[in-house]
Amino acid sequence: MPEGDTVWNTARVLHRALAGARLTGSDFRVPQLATTDLTGWTVRESASRGKHLLLRLTAPDPNRANAGGSAVGGAHWTLHSHLRMDGAWRAYAPGERWSGRPAHLIRVVLRSPGAVAVGYHLHELALVPSAEEEGLVGHLGPDLLGPDWDPAEAVRRLAAHPEQTIGEALLDQRNLAGVGNLYKCEVLFLRGVSPWTPVRVVPDLAGTVALAQRLLAANRGRWTQSTTGSLHRGQTSYVYGRRAQPCRRCGTAIRKQELGERVTYWCPVCQPEHPESPSPT
């Protein structure tokens, strides 16, 4: 699943391609928006909130009806999408061949004089008045890459679920928005904490939150994610994706097992089980 920094990067790609442009055409390939026509709408900005993408637009006539026959009602609208495990947005020059993904995965095409934005396998695609964005993303915790990042609030939300394992708590976007499986595994390795440790006994929750934010911020603006400082292939992570390979600290074989609904990687020596943790074996 794309992590918060990947979604942030994707939002910037769309912003550079479309911000300020008036759309010359749109093609929605999902039932709920199949008759929607955004021709003539202006793209104000592209932003991210955690793992959610928000493309903000201005309708040319707030009083006209859309192609589906319902009243537009208001000038400012937001096209929301979520990438989940396999979604992606790509920006192409007009006339450039669309490549990399099969055509049957296309969910939306937005055309402007200078670019064509294509959304592949997008989820939760919705067009809502911008004033109602909170209905889609208001449940999220503080965004690690957002301008209003609030580490104290993130710690408070984590601590509110003391019996939950820290591995599951970090992935709960209601606690803090943007951490995915890669950063969960890497942060806990660097903190020396077993993913199965209950939140209530995790030492220094604030330090864990601060490290997560630093790692995401360090990878913002590039597509290669690294927690080790190296961008060389095979050297970018400590534990994630390295099952049975030697720990970079102690040489013990990295382990892999499901925690909740997600696969977890960890070093059993560098991240010892807490006496109150459920055993991962």
C-alpha atoms as a PDB file:
ATOM      1  CA  MET A   1       0.000   0.000   0.000  1.00  0.00           C
ATOM      2  CA  PRO A   2       1.348   3.469  -0.828  1.00  0.00           C
ATOM      3  CA  GLU A   3       2.603   5.246   2.262  1.00  0.00           C
ATOM      4  CA  GLY A   4       1.923   8.867   3.158  1.00  0.00           C
ATOM      5  CA  ASP A   5       5.026  10.152   1.406  1.00  0.00           C
ATOM      6  CA  THR A   6       4.057   8.393  -1.843  1.00  0.00           C
ATOM      7  CA  VAL A   7       0.601   9.947  -1.714  1.00  0.00           C
ATOM      8  CA  TRP A   8       2.172  13.355  -0.971  1.00  0.00           C
ATOM      9  CA  ASN A   9       4.419  12.947  -4.021  1.00  0.00           C
ATOM     10  CA  THR A  10       1.455  11.928  -6.169  1.00  0.00           C
ATOM     11  CA  ALA A  11      -0.458  15.028  -5.097  1.00  0.00           C
ATOM     12  CA  ARG A  12       2.487  17.181  -6.174  1.00  0.00           C
ATOM     13  CA  VAL A  13       2.628  15.474  -9.573  1.00  0.00           C
ATOM     14  CA  LEU A  14      -1.034  16.296 -10.134  1.00  0.00           C
ATOM     15  CA  HIS A  15      -0.579  19.835  -8.856  1.00  0.00           C
ATOM     16  CA  ARG A  16       2.290  20.544 -11.248  1.00  0.00           C
ATOM     17  CA  ALA A  17       0.349  19.053 -14.140  1.00  0.00           C
ATOM     18  CA  LEU A  18      -3.083  20.601 -13.563  1.00  0.00           C
ATOM     19  CA  ALA A  19      -3.113  23.464 -11.040  1.00  0.00           C
ATOM     20  CA  GLY A  20      -4.488  26.622 -12.594  1.00  0.00           C
ATOM     21  CA  ALA A  21      -5.634  24.826 -15.752  1.00  0.00           C
ATOM     22  CA  ARG A  22      -9.148  24.721 -17.161  1.00  0.00           C
ATOM     23  CA  LEU A  23     -10.128  21.173 -18.015  1.00  0.00           C
ATOM     24  CA  THR A  24     -10.866  20.495 -21.668  1.00  0.00           C
ATOM     25  CA  GLY A  25     -12.426  17.112 -20.984  1.00  0.00           C
ATOM     26  CA  SER A  26     -13.020  14.375 -18.452  1.00  0.00           C
ATOM     27  CA  ASP A  27     -13.860  10.686 -18.625  1.00  0.00           C
ATOM     28  CA  PHE A  28     -15.043   8.843 -15.522  1.00  0.00           C
ATOM     29  CA  ARG A  29     -15.137   5.072 -15.710  1.00  0.00           C
ATOM     30  CA  VAL A  30     -16.931   4.316 -12.465  1.00  0.00           C
ATOM     31  CA  PRO A  31     -20.719   3.955 -12.205  1.00  0.00           C
ATOM     32  CA  GLN A  32     -21.299   6.712  -9.645  1.00  0.00           C
ATOM     33  CA  LEU A  33     -19.588   9.353 -11.802  1.00  0.00           C
ATOM     34  CA  ALA A  34     -20.092   7.923 -15.284  1.00  0.00           C
ATOM     35  CA  THR A  35     -22.183  10.879 -16.501  1.00  0.00           C
ATOM     36  CA  THR A  36     -20.137  13.604 -14.815  1.00  0.00           C
ATOM     37  CA  ASP A  37     -18.524  16.130 -17.138  1.00  0.00           C
ATOM     38  CA  LEU A  38     -15.853  18.459 -15.747  1.00  0.00           C
ATOM     39  CA  THR A  39     -15.159  20.235 -19.020  1.00  0.00           C
ATOM     40  CA  GLY A  40     -14.612  23.916 -18.277  1.00  0.00           C
ATOM     41  CA  TRP A  41     -13.859  23.373 -14.590  1.00  0.00           C
ATOM     42  CA  THR A  42     -10.647  24.923 -13.217  1.00  0.00           C
ATOM     43  CA  VAL A  43      -8.229  22.968 -11.040  1.00  0.00           C
ATOM     44  CA  ARG A  44      -7.337  25.035  -7.984  1.00  0.00           C
ATOM     45  CA  GLU A  45      -4.904  22.647  -6.318  1.00  0.00           C
ATOM     46  CA  SER A  46      -4.010  19.061  -5.570  1.00  0.00           C
ATOM     47  CA  ALA A  47      -3.412  18.100  -1.958  1.00  0.00           C
ATOM     48  CA  SER A  48      -3.025  15.019   0.213  1.00  0.00           C
ATOM     49  CA  ARG A  49      -4.350  14.138   3.642  1.00  0.00           C
ATOM     50  CA  GLY A  50      -2.700  11.031   4.975  1.00  0.00           C
ATOM     51  CA  LYS A  51      -3.314   8.471   2.224  1.00  0.00           C
ATOM     52  CA  HIS A  52      -6.171  10.412   0.628  1.00  0.00           C
ATOM     53  CA  LEU A  53      -5.860  12.590  -2.496  1.00  0.00           C
ATOM     54  CA  LEU A  54      -7.930  15.755  -2.825  1.00  0.00           C
ATOM     55  CA  LEU A  55      -8.119  17.468  -6.207  1.00  0.00           C
ATOM     56  CA  ARG A  56      -9.882  20.797  -5.632  1.00  0.00           C
ATOM     57  CA  LEU A  57     -11.765  22.404  -8.491  1.00  0.00           C
ATOM     58  CA  THR A  58     -13.929  25.401  -9.304  1.00  0.00           C
ATOM     59  CA  ALA A  59     -17.096  24.916 -11.350  1.00  0.00           C
ATOM     60  CA  PRO A  60     -17.564  27.411 -14.204  1.00  0.00           C
ATOM     61  CA  ASP A  61     -21.176  28.124 -13.208  1.00  0.00           C
ATOM     62  CA  PRO A  62     -22.232  27.314  -9.648  1.00  0.00           C
ATOM     63  CA  ASN A  63     -25.892  27.371 -10.639  1.00  0.00           C
ATOM     64  CA  ARG A  64     -25.824  25.046 -13.627  1.00  0.00           C
ATOM     65  CA  ALA A  65     -26.628  21.350 -13.543  1.00  0.00           C
ATOM     66  CA  ASN A  66     -24.058  18.636 -14.087  1.00  0.00           C
ATOM     67  CA  ALA A  67     -24.257  16.021 -16.834  1.00  0.00           C
ATOM     68  CA  GLY A  68     -26.214  13.722 -14.581  1.00  0.00           C
ATOM     69  CA  GLY A  69     -29.011  16.269 -14.200  1.00  0.00           C
ATOM     70  CA  SER A  70     -28.482  17.210 -10.547  1.00  0.00           C
ATOM     71  CA  ALA A  71     -27.738  20.763  -9.464  1.00  0.00           C
ATOM     72  CA  VAL A  72     -24.065  21.580  -9.006  1.00  0.00           C
ATOM     73  CA  GLY A  73     -24.838  24.024  -6.200  1.00  0.00           C
ATOM     74  CA  GLY A  74     -21.664  25.869  -5.229  1.00  0.00           C
ATOM     75  CA  ALA A  75     -18.462  26.831  -6.997  1.00  0.00           C
ATOM     76  CA  HIS A  76     -15.866  24.768  -5.126  1.00  0.00           C
ATOM     77  CA  TRP A  77     -15.704  21.003  -5.434  1.00  0.00           C
ATOM     78  CA  THR A  78     -13.258  18.261  -4.500  1.00  0.00           C
ATOM     79  CA  LEU A  79     -12.480  15.081  -6.407  1.00  0.00           C
ATOM     80  CA  HIS A  80     -11.458  12.558  -3.763  1.00  0.00           C
ATOM     81  CA  SER A  81      -9.524   9.356  -4.413  1.00  0.00           C
ATOM     82  CA  HIS A  82      -7.653   6.739  -2.394  1.00  0.00           C
ATOM     83  CA  LEU A  83      -4.821   4.635  -3.786  1.00  0.00           C
ATOM     84  CA  ARG A  84      -5.121   1.712  -1.332  1.00  0.00           C
ATOM     85  CA  MET A  85      -2.807  -1.134  -2.386  1.00  0.00           C
ATOM     86  CA  ASP A  86      -2.564  -0.645  -6.120  1.00  0.00           C
ATOM     87  CA  GLY A  87      -3.979   2.707  -7.201  1.00  0.00           C
ATOM     88  CA  ALA A  88      -1.940   5.317  -9.040  1.00  0.00           C
ATOM     89  CA  TRP A  89      -2.201   8.643 -10.843  1.00  0.00           C
ATOM     90  CA  ARG A  90      -0.007   9.389 -13.851  1.00  0.00           C
ATOM     91  CA  ALA A  91       0.441  12.677 -15.736  1.00  0.00           C
ATOM     92  CA  TYR A  92       1.208  12.666 -19.456  1.00  0.00           C
ATOM     93  CA  ALA A  93       1.845  15.328 -22.055  1.00  0.00           C
ATOM     94  CA  PRO A  94      -0.959  15.750 -24.625  1.00  0.00           C
ATOM     95  CA  GLY A  95      -0.432  13.137 -27.319  1.00  0.00           C
ATOM     96  CA  GLU A  96       2.000  11.105 -25.208  1.00  0.00           C
ATOM     97  CA  ARG A  97       1.335   7.384 -25.063  1.00  0.00           C
ATOM     98  CA  TRP A  98      -0.125   6.177 -21.789  1.00  0.00           C
ATOM     99  CA  SER A  99       2.071   3.379 -20.531  1.00  0.00           C
ATOM    100  CA  GLY A 100       2.761   1.219 -17.529  1.00  0.00           C
ATOM    101  CA  ARG A 101      -0.757   0.038 -16.670  1.00  0.00           C
ATOM    102  CA  PRO A 102      -3.469  -1.796 -18.625  1.00  0.00           C
ATOM    103  CA  ALA A 103      -6.307   0.340 -19.962  1.00  0.00           C
ATOM    104  CA  HIS A 104      -9.017  -1.633 -18.147  1.00  0.00           C
ATOM    105  CA  LEU A 105      -7.702  -0.279 -14.835  1.00  0.00           C
ATOM    106  CA  ILE A 106      -8.343   3.343 -15.796  1.00  0.00           C
ATOM    107  CA  ARG A 107     -10.965   4.956 -13.566  1.00  0.00           C
ATOM    108  CA  VAL A 108     -10.722   8.610 -14.614  1.00  0.00           C
ATOM    109  CA  VAL A 109      -9.058  10.772 -17.267  1.00  0.00           C
ATOM    110  CA  LEU A 110      -8.724  14.538 -16.856  1.00  0.00           C
ATOM    111  CA  ARG A 111      -7.568  16.582 -19.854  1.00  0.00           C
ATOM    112  CA  SER A 112      -6.147  20.094 -19.894  1.00  0.00           C
ATOM    113  CA  PRO A 113      -4.283  22.084 -22.550  1.00  0.00           C
ATOM    114  CA  GLY A 114      -0.922  21.140 -21.050  1.00  0.00           C
ATOM    115  CA  ALA A 115      -1.406  17.695 -19.526  1.00  0.00           C
ATOM    116  CA  VAL A 116      -3.523  14.577 -19.254  1.00  0.00           C
ATOM    117  CA  ALA A 117      -3.962  13.030 -15.797  1.00  0.00           C
ATOM    118  CA  VAL A 118      -4.945   9.360 -15.705  1.00  0.00           C
ATOM    119  CA  GLY A 119      -6.101   7.601 -12.539  1.00  0.00           C
ATOM    120  CA  TYR A 120      -5.582   3.827 -12.416  1.00  0.00           C
ATOM    121  CA  HIS A 121      -7.430   1.469 -10.061  1.00  0.00           C
ATOM    122  CA  LEU A 122      -8.509   4.316  -7.800  1.00  0.00           C
ATOM    123  CA  HIS A 123     -10.749   3.664  -4.819  1.00  0.00           C
ATOM    124  CA  GLU A 124     -13.388   5.709  -2.985  1.00  0.00           C
ATOM    125  CA  LEU A 125     -13.647   8.030  -5.988  1.00  0.00           C
ATOM    126  CA  ALA A 126     -16.132  10.788  -5.168  1.00  0.00           C
ATOM    127  CA  LEU A 127     -16.947  14.338  -6.203  1.00  0.00           C
ATOM    128  CA  VAL A 128     -18.180  16.394  -3.254  1.00  0.00           C
ATOM    129  CA  PRO A 129     -18.529  20.080  -2.378  1.00  0.00           C
ATOM    130  CA  SER A 130     -15.217  21.207  -0.892  1.00  0.00           C
ATOM    131  CA  ALA A 131     -17.074  22.330   2.216  1.00  0.00           C
ATOM    132  CA  GLU A 132     -17.916  18.651   2.810  1.00  0.00           C
ATOM    133  CA  GLU A 133     -14.356  17.278   2.580  1.00  0.00           C
ATOM    134  CA  GLU A 134     -14.332  16.590   6.298  1.00  0.00           C
ATOM    135  CA  GLY A 135     -16.995  13.985   5.740  1.00  0.00           C
ATOM    136  CA  LEU A 136     -14.379  11.972   3.842  1.00  0.00           C
ATOM    137  CA  VAL A 137     -11.201  12.702   5.803  1.00  0.00           C
ATOM    138  CA  GLY A 138     -12.332  14.196   9.094  1.00  0.00           C
ATOM    139  CA  HIS A 139     -11.899  10.894  10.909  1.00  0.00           C
ATOM    140  CA  LEU A 140      -8.165  10.868  10.237  1.00  0.00           C
ATOM    141  CA  GLY A 141      -5.569  11.590  12.870  1.00  0.00           C
ATOM    142  CA  PRO A 142      -2.877  14.244  12.449  1.00  0.00           C
ATOM    143  CA  ASP A 143      -1.194  14.083   9.040  1.00  0.00           C
ATOM    144  CA  LEU A 144       2.531  13.425   9.438  1.00  0.00           C
ATOM    145  CA  LEU A 145       3.259  15.482   6.320  1.00  0.00           C
ATOM    146  CA  GLY A 146       0.513  18.058   6.758  1.00  0.00           C
ATOM    147  CA  PRO A 147       0.958  21.715   7.677  1.00  0.00           C
ATOM    148  CA  ASP A 148      -1.061  21.127  10.844  1.00  0.00           C
ATOM    149  CA  TRP A 149       0.940  18.120  12.072  1.00  0.00           C
ATOM    150  CA  ASP A 150       0.330  17.740  15.814  1.00  0.00           C
ATOM    151  CA  PRO A 151       2.574  15.131  17.484  1.00  0.00           C
ATOM    152  CA  ALA A 152       0.962  15.589  20.898  1.00  0.00           C
ATOM    153  CA  GLU A 153      -2.462  14.776  19.450  1.00  0.00           C
ATOM    154  CA  ALA A 154      -1.046  11.721  17.680  1.00  0.00           C
ATOM    155  CA  VAL A 155       0.397  10.467  20.991  1.00  0.00           C
ATOM    156  CA  ARG A 156      -2.917  11.133  22.744  1.00  0.00           C
ATOM    157  CA  ARG A 157      -4.815   9.099  20.153  1.00  0.00           C
ATOM    158  CA  LEU A 158      -2.381   6.197  20.355  1.00  0.00           C
ATOM    159  CA  ALA A 159      -2.506   6.167  24.144  1.00  0.00           C
ATOM    160  CA  ALA A 160      -6.306   6.073  24.055  1.00  0.00           C
ATOM    161  CA  HIS A 161      -6.084   2.409  22.956  1.00  0.00           C
ATOM    162  CA  PRO A 162      -3.689   0.977  25.552  1.00  0.00           C
ATOM    163  CA  GLU A 163      -4.342  -2.713  24.876  1.00  0.00           C
ATOM    164  CA  GLN A 164      -3.858  -2.511  21.117  1.00  0.00           C
ATOM    165  CA  THR A 165      -0.498  -3.694  19.804  1.00  0.00           C
ATOM    166  CA  ILE A 166       1.765  -0.864  18.705  1.00  0.00           C
ATOM    167  CA  GLY A 167       2.089  -2.475  15.280  1.00  0.00           C
ATOM    168  CA  GLU A 168      -1.650  -2.246  14.689  1.00  0.00           C
ATOM    169  CA  ALA A 169      -1.971   1.172  16.348  1.00  0.00           C
ATOM    170  CA  LEU A 170       0.561   2.799  14.033  1.00  0.00           C
ATOM    171  CA  LEU A 171      -1.383   1.581  10.999  1.00  0.00           C
ATOM    172  CA  ASP A 172      -4.694   2.928  12.302  1.00  0.00           C
ATOM    173  CA  GLN A 173      -5.127   6.126  10.300  1.00  0.00           C
ATOM    174  CA  ARG A 174      -7.448   7.479  12.989  1.00  0.00           C
ATOM    175  CA  ASN A 175      -4.405   7.779  15.264  1.00  0.00           C
ATOM    176  CA  LEU A 176      -1.967   9.349  12.822  1.00  0.00           C
ATOM    177  CA  ALA A 177      -2.364   9.608   9.083  1.00  0.00           C
ATOM    178  CA  GLY A 178       0.310   8.426   6.681  1.00  0.00           C
ATOM    179  CA  VAL A 179       2.114   5.474   8.273  1.00  0.00           C
ATOM    180  CA  GLY A 180       1.963   2.301   6.184  1.00  0.00           C
ATOM    181  CA  ASN A 181       3.418  -1.150   6.650  1.00  0.00           C
ATOM    182  CA  LEU A 182       6.937  -0.212   5.583  1.00  0.00           C
ATOM    183  CA  TYR A 183       7.277   2.645   8.058  1.00  0.00           C
ATOM    184  CA  LYS A 184       5.546   0.674  10.804  1.00  0.00           C
ATOM    185  CA  CYS A 185       8.161  -2.070  10.564  1.00  0.00           C
ATOM    186  CA  GLU A 186      11.107   0.274  10.189  1.00  0.00           C
ATOM    187  CA  VAL A 187      10.125   2.653  13.000  1.00  0.00           C
ATOM    188  CA  LEU A 188       9.636  -0.179  15.485  1.00  0.00           C
ATOM    189  CA  PHE A 189      12.961  -1.744  14.538  1.00  0.00           C
ATOM    190  CA  LEU A 190      14.785   1.547  15.032  1.00  0.00           C
ATOM    191  CA  ARG A 191      13.054   2.036  18.384  1.00  0.00           C
ATOM    192  CA  GLY A 192      13.845  -1.530  19.481  1.00  0.00           C
ATOM    193  CA  VAL A 193      10.166  -2.303  20.107  1.00  0.00           C
ATOM    194  CA  SER A 194       8.408  -5.553  19.243  1.00  0.00           C
ATOM    195  CA  PRO A 195       5.376  -4.946  17.003  1.00  0.00           C
ATOM    196  CA  TRP A 196       3.321  -7.087  19.425  1.00  0.00           C
ATOM    197  CA  THR A 197       3.970  -4.783  22.388  1.00  0.00           C
ATOM    198  CA  PRO A 198       0.777  -3.264  23.881  1.00  0.00           C
ATOM    199  CA  VAL A 199       0.643   0.491  23.447  1.00  0.00           C
ATOM    200  CA  ARG A 200       0.448   1.036  27.205  1.00  0.00           C
ATOM    201  CA  VAL A 201       3.919  -0.397  27.779  1.00  0.00           C
ATOM    202  CA  VAL A 202       5.707   1.130  24.805  1.00  0.00           C
ATOM    203  CA  PRO A 203       8.510   3.302  26.131  1.00  0.00           C
ATOM    204  CA  ASP A 204       8.424   6.883  24.857  1.00  0.00           C
ATOM    205  CA  LEU A 205       5.442   6.988  22.533  1.00  0.00           C
ATOM    206  CA  ALA A 206       6.378  10.565  21.675  1.00  0.00           C
ATOM    207  CA  GLY A 207       9.764   9.401  20.423  1.00  0.00           C
ATOM    208  CA  THR A 208       8.131   6.742  18.260  1.00  0.00           C
ATOM    209  CA  VAL A 209       5.770   9.307  16.716  1.00  0.00           C
ATOM    210  CA  ALA A 210       8.591  11.799  16.148  1.00  0.00           C
ATOM    211  CA  LEU A 211      10.709   9.182  14.376  1.00  0.00           C
ATOM    212  CA  ALA A 212       7.816   8.186  12.101  1.00  0.00           C
ATOM    213  CA  GLN A 213       7.361  11.799  11.058  1.00  0.00           C
ATOM    214  CA  ARG A 214      11.089  12.288  10.403  1.00  0.00           C
ATOM    215  CA  LEU A 215      11.305   9.187   8.213  1.00  0.00           C
ATOM    216  CA  LEU A 216       8.310  10.149   6.070  1.00  0.00           C
ATOM    217  CA  ALA A 217       9.539  13.729   5.765  1.00  0.00           C
ATOM    218  CA  ALA A 218      13.017  12.550   4.731  1.00  0.00           C
ATOM    219  CA  ASN A 219      11.526  10.602   1.809  1.00  0.00           C
ATOM    220  CA  ARG A 220       9.147  13.329   0.714  1.00  0.00           C
ATOM    221  CA  GLY A 221       9.895  14.461  -2.832  1.00  0.00           C
ATOM    222  CA  ARG A 222      11.459  11.206  -4.060  1.00  0.00           C
ATOM    223  CA  TRP A 223      10.001   7.876  -5.086  1.00  0.00           C
ATOM    224  CA  THR A 224      12.700   5.627  -3.575  1.00  0.00           C
ATOM    225  CA  GLN A 225      11.867   5.152   0.088  1.00  0.00           C
ATOM    226  CA  SER A 226      14.846   4.650   2.382  1.00  0.00           C
ATOM    227  CA  THR A 227      15.084   4.391   6.157  1.00  0.00           C
ATOM    228  CA  THR A 228      18.773   3.434   6.208  1.00  0.00           C
ATOM    229  CA  GLY A 229      20.120   6.471   4.387  1.00  0.00           C
ATOM    230  CA  SER A 230      21.101   4.425   1.333  1.00  0.00           C
ATOM    231  CA  LEU A 231      19.282   4.628  -1.981  1.00  0.00           C
ATOM    232  CA  HIS A 232      21.018   1.567  -3.423  1.00  0.00           C
ATOM    233  CA  ARG A 233      18.841  -1.389  -4.339  1.00  0.00           C
ATOM    234  CA  GLY A 234      18.612  -3.903  -1.495  1.00  0.00           C
ATOM    235  CA  GLN A 235      19.982  -1.431   1.056  1.00  0.00           C
ATOM    236  CA  THR A 236      17.019   0.850   1.692  1.00  0.00           C
ATOM    237  CA  SER A 237      15.400  -0.924   4.668  1.00  0.00           C
ATOM    238  CA  TYR A 238      16.439  -2.543   7.943  1.00  0.00           C
ATOM    239  CA  VAL A 239      13.750  -5.224   8.217  1.00  0.00           C
ATOM    240  CA  TYR A 240      10.937  -4.564   5.748  1.00  0.00           C
ATOM    241  CA  GLY A 241      10.980  -7.061   2.878  1.00  0.00           C
ATOM    242  CA  ARG A 242      14.049  -8.832   4.304  1.00  0.00           C
ATOM    243  CA  ARG A 243      12.624 -12.096   5.671  1.00  0.00           C
ATOM    244  CA  ALA A 244      15.375 -14.621   6.549  1.00  0.00           C
ATOM    245  CA  GLN A 245      18.116 -12.122   5.711  1.00  0.00           C
ATOM    246  CA  PRO A 246      20.575 -11.157   8.472  1.00  0.00           C
ATOM    247  CA  CYS A 247      19.710  -8.219  10.683  1.00  0.00           C
ATOM    248  CA  ARG A 248      21.918  -5.262   9.817  1.00  0.00           C
ATOM    249  CA  ARG A 249      22.650  -4.797  13.525  1.00  0.00           C
ATOM    250  CA  CYS A 250      23.018  -8.257  15.069  1.00  0.00           C
ATOM    251  CA  GLY A 251      23.008 -10.745  12.187  1.00  0.00           C
ATOM    252  CA  THR A 252      19.900 -12.634  13.365  1.00  0.00           C
ATOM    253  CA  ALA A 253      17.543 -13.747  10.610  1.00  0.00           C
ATOM    254  CA  ILE A 254      14.707 -11.274  10.082  1.00  0.00           C
ATOM    255  CA  ARG A 255      11.297 -12.791  10.720  1.00  0.00           C
ATOM    256  CA  LYS A 256       7.997 -12.269   8.931  1.00  0.00           C
ATOM    257  CA  GLN A 257       4.521 -12.950  10.237  1.00  0.00           C
ATOM    258  CA  GLU A 258       1.009 -11.536  10.062  1.00  0.00           C
ATOM    259  CA  LEU A 259      -0.079  -9.078  12.734  1.00  0.00           C
ATOM    260  CA  GLY A 260      -3.740  -8.234  12.408  1.00  0.00           C
ATOM    261  CA  GLU A 261      -4.348  -8.155   8.665  1.00  0.00           C
ATOM    262  CA  ARG A 262      -0.850  -7.057   7.649  1.00  0.00           C
ATOM    263  CA  VAL A 263       2.495  -8.790   7.253  1.00  0.00           C
ATOM    264  CA  THR A 264       5.106  -7.678   9.770  1.00  0.00           C
ATOM    265  CA  TYR A 265       8.898  -7.891   9.611  1.00  0.00           C
ATOM    266  CA  TRP A 266      11.057  -7.690  12.726  1.00  0.00           C
ATOM    267  CA  CYS A 267      14.276  -8.821  14.368  1.00  0.00           C
ATOM    268  CA  PRO A 268      13.561 -11.044  17.391  1.00  0.00           C
ATOM    269  CA  VAL A 269      16.837 -10.021  19.062  1.00  0.00           C
ATOM    270  CA  CYS A 270      16.831  -6.269  18.461  1.00  0.00           C
ATOM    271  CA  GLN A 271      13.082  -6.120  19.155  1.00  0.00           C
ATOM    272  CA  PRO A 272      12.596  -8.499  22.103  1.00  0.00           C
ATOM    273  CA  GLU A 273       9.121  -9.506  23.209  1.00  0.00           C
ATOM    274  CA  HIS A 274       7.744  -7.576  26.149  1.00  0.00           C
ATOM    275  CA  PRO A 275       6.556  -9.844  29.002  1.00  0.00           C
ATOM    276  CA  GLU A 276       3.010  -8.566  28.489  1.00  0.00           C
ATOM    277  CA  SER A 277       3.019  -9.002  24.708  1.00  0.00           C
ATOM    278  CA  PRO A 278       1.072 -11.772  22.980  1.00  0.00           C
ATOM    279  CA  SER A 279       3.572 -14.152  21.455  1.00  0.00           C
ATOM    280  CA  PRO A 280       4.019 -13.808  17.675  1.00  0.00           C
ATOM    281  CA  THR A 281       4.782 -17.513  17.372  1.00  0.00           C
END
